[in-house]
Amino acid sequence: MQIRPRIKLELTHADKTVEIIGWLLIFAIWGLAFDKFNSLTAIIPTHYNGSGVPDGFGDKWMFLTLPLVATVLFIAMTLLNKPVGCNYLK
């Protein structure tokens, strides 16, 4: 069996810049969420119908769902983009 060379990939300057901007935006989203959290009422609308009338309601902790989903997705995409060697091609 032929041994294949291991490729060592590194992030480019543009990749690192995008990662830093992404982390700054995640921190900004969380900062804004916590800044506005205390001014929310106990029950907030969570869904609107086609006319723009709220038809779903939840606790104000539901407000943190969007920053949480954004953070999980960003971390997952960052880990998937992490350059690794091609060890699985052996």
N, C-alpha and C. Protein backbone atom coordinates (compact mmCIF):
# COMPACT_ATOMS: atom_id res chain seq x y z
N MET A 1 0.84 -1.17 0.00
CA MET A 1 0.00 0.00 0.00
C MET A 1 0.88 1.24 0.00
N GLN A 2 0.52 2.19 -0.81
CA GLN A 2 1.29 3.42 -0.94
C GLN A 2 1.01 4.36 0.23
N ILE A 3 2.07 4.90 0.81
CA ILE A 3 1.91 5.85 1.91
C ILE A 3 1.77 7.24 1.31
N ARG A 4 0.71 7.89 1.68
CA ARG A 4 0.45 9.23 1.16
C ARG A 4 1.03 10.28 2.10
N PRO A 5 1.49 11.39 1.56
CA PRO A 5 2.04 12.44 2.42
C PRO A 5 0.95 13.11 3.24
N ARG A 6 1.32 13.53 4.44
CA ARG A 6 0.37 14.26 5.28
C ARG A 6 0.44 15.73 4.91
N ILE A 7 -0.71 16.30 4.68
CA ILE A 7 -0.79 17.70 4.29
C ILE A 7 -1.04 18.54 5.53
N LYS A 8 -0.21 19.54 5.75
CA LYS A 8 -0.39 20.43 6.89
C LYS A 8 -0.99 21.73 6.38
N LEU A 9 -2.25 21.94 6.69
CA LEU A 9 -2.95 23.15 6.25
C LEU A 9 -2.91 24.20 7.35
N GLU A 10 -2.78 25.43 6.95
CA GLU A 10 -2.79 26.54 7.90
C GLU A 10 -3.82 27.57 7.47
N LEU A 11 -4.37 28.27 8.45
CA LEU A 11 -5.33 29.32 8.16
C LEU A 11 -4.63 30.50 7.50
N THR A 12 -5.27 31.08 6.51
CA THR A 12 -4.72 32.27 5.86
C THR A 12 -5.03 33.50 6.72
N HIS A 13 -4.46 34.62 6.34
CA HIS A 13 -4.71 35.88 7.06
C HIS A 13 -6.20 36.23 6.98
N ALA A 14 -6.80 36.00 5.81
CA ALA A 14 -8.23 36.28 5.65
C ALA A 14 -9.08 35.37 6.54
N ASP A 15 -8.70 34.09 6.65
CA ASP A 15 -9.42 33.16 7.52
C ASP A 15 -9.37 33.61 8.97
N LYS A 16 -8.19 34.03 9.41
CA LYS A 16 -8.04 34.48 10.79
C LYS A 16 -8.85 35.76 11.05
N THR A 17 -8.88 36.65 10.06
CA THR A 17 -9.64 37.89 10.20
C THR A 17 -11.13 37.59 10.32
N VAL A 18 -11.63 36.69 9.50
CA VAL A 18 -13.05 36.33 9.55
C VAL A 18 -13.38 35.67 10.89
N GLU A 19 -12.49 34.82 11.40
CA GLU A 19 -12.72 34.19 12.70
C GLU A 19 -12.78 35.23 13.82
N ILE A 20 -11.88 36.19 13.80
CA ILE A 20 -11.87 37.24 14.84
C ILE A 20 -13.14 38.08 14.76
N ILE A 21 -13.54 38.45 13.55
CA ILE A 21 -14.78 39.22 13.38
C ILE A 21 -15.97 38.41 13.87
N GLY A 22 -15.98 37.12 13.57
CA GLY A 22 -17.07 36.26 14.03
C GLY A 22 -17.17 36.20 15.54
N TRP A 23 -16.01 36.04 16.21
CA TRP A 23 -16.02 36.00 17.68
C TRP A 23 -16.47 37.33 18.26
N LEU A 24 -16.03 38.43 17.66
CA LEU A 24 -16.46 39.75 18.14
C LEU A 24 -17.97 39.92 18.00
N LEU A 25 -18.52 39.44 16.89
CA LEU A 25 -19.97 39.53 16.69
C LEU A 25 -20.74 38.65 17.68
N ILE A 26 -20.22 37.47 17.98
CA ILE A 26 -20.86 36.60 18.98
C ILE A 26 -20.88 37.29 20.34
N PHE A 27 -19.75 37.88 20.73
CA PHE A 27 -19.71 38.60 22.01
C PHE A 27 -20.65 39.81 21.99
N ALA A 28 -20.76 40.48 20.85
CA ALA A 28 -21.67 41.62 20.74
C ALA A 28 -23.13 41.18 20.86
N ILE A 29 -23.47 40.06 20.26
CA ILE A 29 -24.84 39.53 20.36
C ILE A 29 -25.18 39.23 21.81
N TRP A 30 -24.25 38.55 22.51
CA TRP A 30 -24.50 38.23 23.92
C TRP A 30 -24.57 39.49 24.78
N GLY A 31 -23.70 40.45 24.50
CA GLY A 31 -23.72 41.70 25.26
C GLY A 31 -25.03 42.44 25.08
N LEU A 32 -25.50 42.52 23.85
CA LEU A 32 -26.77 43.17 23.58
C LEU A 32 -27.93 42.43 24.23
N ALA A 33 -27.90 41.10 24.18
CA ALA A 33 -28.97 40.31 24.79
C ALA A 33 -29.03 40.54 26.30
N PHE A 34 -27.88 40.53 26.96
CA PHE A 34 -27.89 40.75 28.41
C PHE A 34 -28.20 42.20 28.77
N ASP A 35 -27.83 43.12 27.90
CA ASP A 35 -28.13 44.52 28.14
C ASP A 35 -29.65 44.77 28.11
N LYS A 36 -30.33 44.14 27.18
CA LYS A 36 -31.78 44.35 27.02
C LYS A 36 -32.63 43.39 27.83
N PHE A 37 -32.03 42.36 28.42
CA PHE A 37 -32.79 41.33 29.11
C PHE A 37 -33.61 41.88 30.27
N ASN A 38 -33.05 42.76 31.07
CA ASN A 38 -33.76 43.28 32.25
C ASN A 38 -34.93 44.18 31.87
N SER A 39 -34.93 44.75 30.68
CA SER A 39 -36.03 45.62 30.29
C SER A 39 -37.20 44.86 29.67
N LEU A 40 -37.08 43.54 29.53
CA LEU A 40 -38.16 42.74 28.95
C LEU A 40 -39.25 42.48 29.98
N THR A 41 -40.47 42.27 29.49
CA THR A 41 -41.56 41.86 30.37
C THR A 41 -41.40 40.38 30.67
N ALA A 42 -42.17 39.86 31.62
CA ALA A 42 -42.04 38.46 32.03
C ALA A 42 -42.44 37.51 30.91
N ILE A 43 -43.41 37.91 30.08
CA ILE A 43 -43.86 37.08 28.95
C ILE A 43 -43.62 37.88 27.67
N ILE A 44 -42.98 37.22 26.69
CA ILE A 44 -42.68 37.89 25.43
C ILE A 44 -43.29 37.09 24.28
N PRO A 45 -43.61 37.75 23.16
CA PRO A 45 -44.10 37.01 21.99
C PRO A 45 -42.96 36.20 21.36
N THR A 46 -43.27 34.97 20.99
CA THR A 46 -42.25 34.11 20.37
C THR A 46 -42.58 33.78 18.92
N HIS A 47 -43.80 34.08 18.49
CA HIS A 47 -44.20 33.78 17.11
C HIS A 47 -45.25 34.78 16.67
N TYR A 48 -45.19 35.14 15.41
CA TYR A 48 -46.17 36.07 14.83
C TYR A 48 -46.83 35.40 13.64
N ASN A 49 -48.13 35.66 13.44
CA ASN A 49 -48.81 35.12 12.27
C ASN A 49 -48.54 36.00 11.05
N GLY A 50 -49.15 35.70 9.94
CA GLY A 50 -48.91 36.42 8.71
C GLY A 50 -49.32 37.88 8.76
N SER A 51 -50.24 38.23 9.65
CA SER A 51 -50.70 39.61 9.79
C SER A 51 -49.82 40.42 10.74
N GLY A 52 -48.85 39.78 11.36
CA GLY A 52 -47.98 40.48 12.29
C GLY A 52 -48.51 40.50 13.71
N VAL A 53 -49.53 39.70 13.98
CA VAL A 53 -50.12 39.63 15.32
C VAL A 53 -49.45 38.46 16.07
N PRO A 54 -48.97 38.70 17.29
CA PRO A 54 -48.35 37.60 18.03
C PRO A 54 -49.35 36.49 18.33
N ASP A 55 -48.96 35.24 18.05
CA ASP A 55 -49.84 34.11 18.36
C ASP A 55 -49.11 33.03 19.17
N GLY A 56 -47.91 33.31 19.61
CA GLY A 56 -47.17 32.41 20.48
C GLY A 56 -46.43 33.24 21.53
N PHE A 57 -46.44 32.76 22.76
CA PHE A 57 -45.83 33.51 23.84
C PHE A 57 -44.96 32.59 24.68
N GLY A 58 -43.94 33.16 25.33
CA GLY A 58 -43.06 32.38 26.19
C GLY A 58 -42.44 33.24 27.26
N ASP A 59 -41.70 32.59 28.13
CA ASP A 59 -41.00 33.28 29.20
C ASP A 59 -39.89 34.15 28.60
N LYS A 60 -39.47 35.16 29.33
CA LYS A 60 -38.46 36.06 28.78
C LYS A 60 -37.11 35.38 28.59
N TRP A 61 -36.91 34.21 29.19
CA TRP A 61 -35.68 33.46 28.97
C TRP A 61 -35.60 32.93 27.54
N MET A 62 -36.73 32.86 26.85
CA MET A 62 -36.74 32.44 25.45
C MET A 62 -35.98 33.43 24.58
N PHE A 63 -35.81 34.64 25.08
CA PHE A 63 -35.08 35.69 24.36
C PHE A 63 -33.63 35.28 24.11
N LEU A 64 -33.08 34.41 24.96
CA LEU A 64 -31.69 34.00 24.84
C LEU A 64 -31.50 32.84 23.87
N THR A 65 -32.58 32.39 23.26
CA THR A 65 -32.49 31.28 22.31
C THR A 65 -31.67 31.65 21.08
N LEU A 66 -31.90 32.81 20.52
CA LEU A 66 -31.19 33.21 19.31
C LEU A 66 -29.67 33.35 19.54
N PRO A 67 -29.22 34.03 20.61
CA PRO A 67 -27.77 34.06 20.84
C PRO A 67 -27.18 32.68 21.09
N LEU A 68 -27.93 31.81 21.77
CA LEU A 68 -27.44 30.46 22.03
C LEU A 68 -27.28 29.66 20.74
N VAL A 69 -28.28 29.72 19.88
CA VAL A 69 -28.21 29.00 18.60
C VAL A 69 -27.08 29.57 17.74
N ALA A 70 -26.93 30.89 17.71
CA ALA A 70 -25.85 31.52 16.94
C ALA A 70 -24.49 31.07 17.45
N THR A 71 -24.33 30.98 18.76
CA THR A 71 -23.06 30.57 19.34
C THR A 71 -22.74 29.12 19.01
N VAL A 72 -23.73 28.24 19.16
CA VAL A 72 -23.52 26.82 18.86
C VAL A 72 -23.16 26.63 17.39
N LEU A 73 -23.88 27.29 16.50
CA LEU A 73 -23.59 27.17 15.07
C LEU A 73 -22.21 27.73 14.73
N PHE A 74 -21.84 28.85 15.31
CA PHE A 74 -20.54 29.44 15.02
C PHE A 74 -19.41 28.54 15.49
N ILE A 75 -19.54 27.99 16.70
CA ILE A 75 -18.50 27.10 17.21
C ILE A 75 -18.42 25.83 16.35
N ALA A 76 -19.56 25.28 15.97
CA ALA A 76 -19.56 24.09 15.12
C ALA A 76 -18.89 24.37 13.78
N MET A 77 -19.21 25.49 13.16
CA MET A 77 -18.60 25.84 11.88
C MET A 77 -17.11 26.12 12.03
N THR A 78 -16.70 26.70 13.15
CA THR A 78 -15.29 26.96 13.40
C THR A 78 -14.53 25.63 13.53
N LEU A 79 -15.11 24.69 14.26
CA LEU A 79 -14.45 23.39 14.42
C LEU A 79 -14.41 22.62 13.11
N LEU A 80 -15.46 22.71 12.31
CA LEU A 80 -15.46 22.02 11.02
C LEU A 80 -14.45 22.64 10.05
N ASN A 81 -14.18 23.90 10.19
CA ASN A 81 -13.24 24.60 9.32
C ASN A 81 -11.80 24.45 9.78
N LYS A 82 -11.61 23.88 10.97
CA LYS A 82 -10.25 23.75 11.52
C LYS A 82 -9.41 22.90 10.58
N PRO A 83 -8.27 23.43 10.15
CA PRO A 83 -7.43 22.65 9.24
C PRO A 83 -6.78 21.48 9.98
N VAL A 84 -6.95 20.31 9.43
CA VAL A 84 -6.35 19.10 9.99
C VAL A 84 -5.62 18.37 8.90
N GLY A 85 -4.72 17.52 9.30
CA GLY A 85 -4.03 16.69 8.32
C GLY A 85 -4.97 15.67 7.72
N CYS A 86 -4.58 15.10 6.63
CA CYS A 86 -5.42 14.11 5.95
C CYS A 86 -5.08 12.71 6.43
N ASN A 87 -5.19 12.48 7.74
CA ASN A 87 -4.86 11.18 8.30
C ASN A 87 -5.81 10.08 7.85
N TYR A 88 -7.01 10.45 7.49
CA TYR A 88 -7.99 9.44 7.11
C TYR A 88 -7.76 8.93 5.70
N LEU A 89 -6.80 9.46 4.97
CA LEU A 89 -6.52 9.00 3.62
C LEU A 89 -5.47 7.90 3.57
N LYS A 90 -5.03 7.43 4.72
CA LYS A 90 -4.01 6.39 4.72
C LYS A 90 -4.46 5.15 4.02
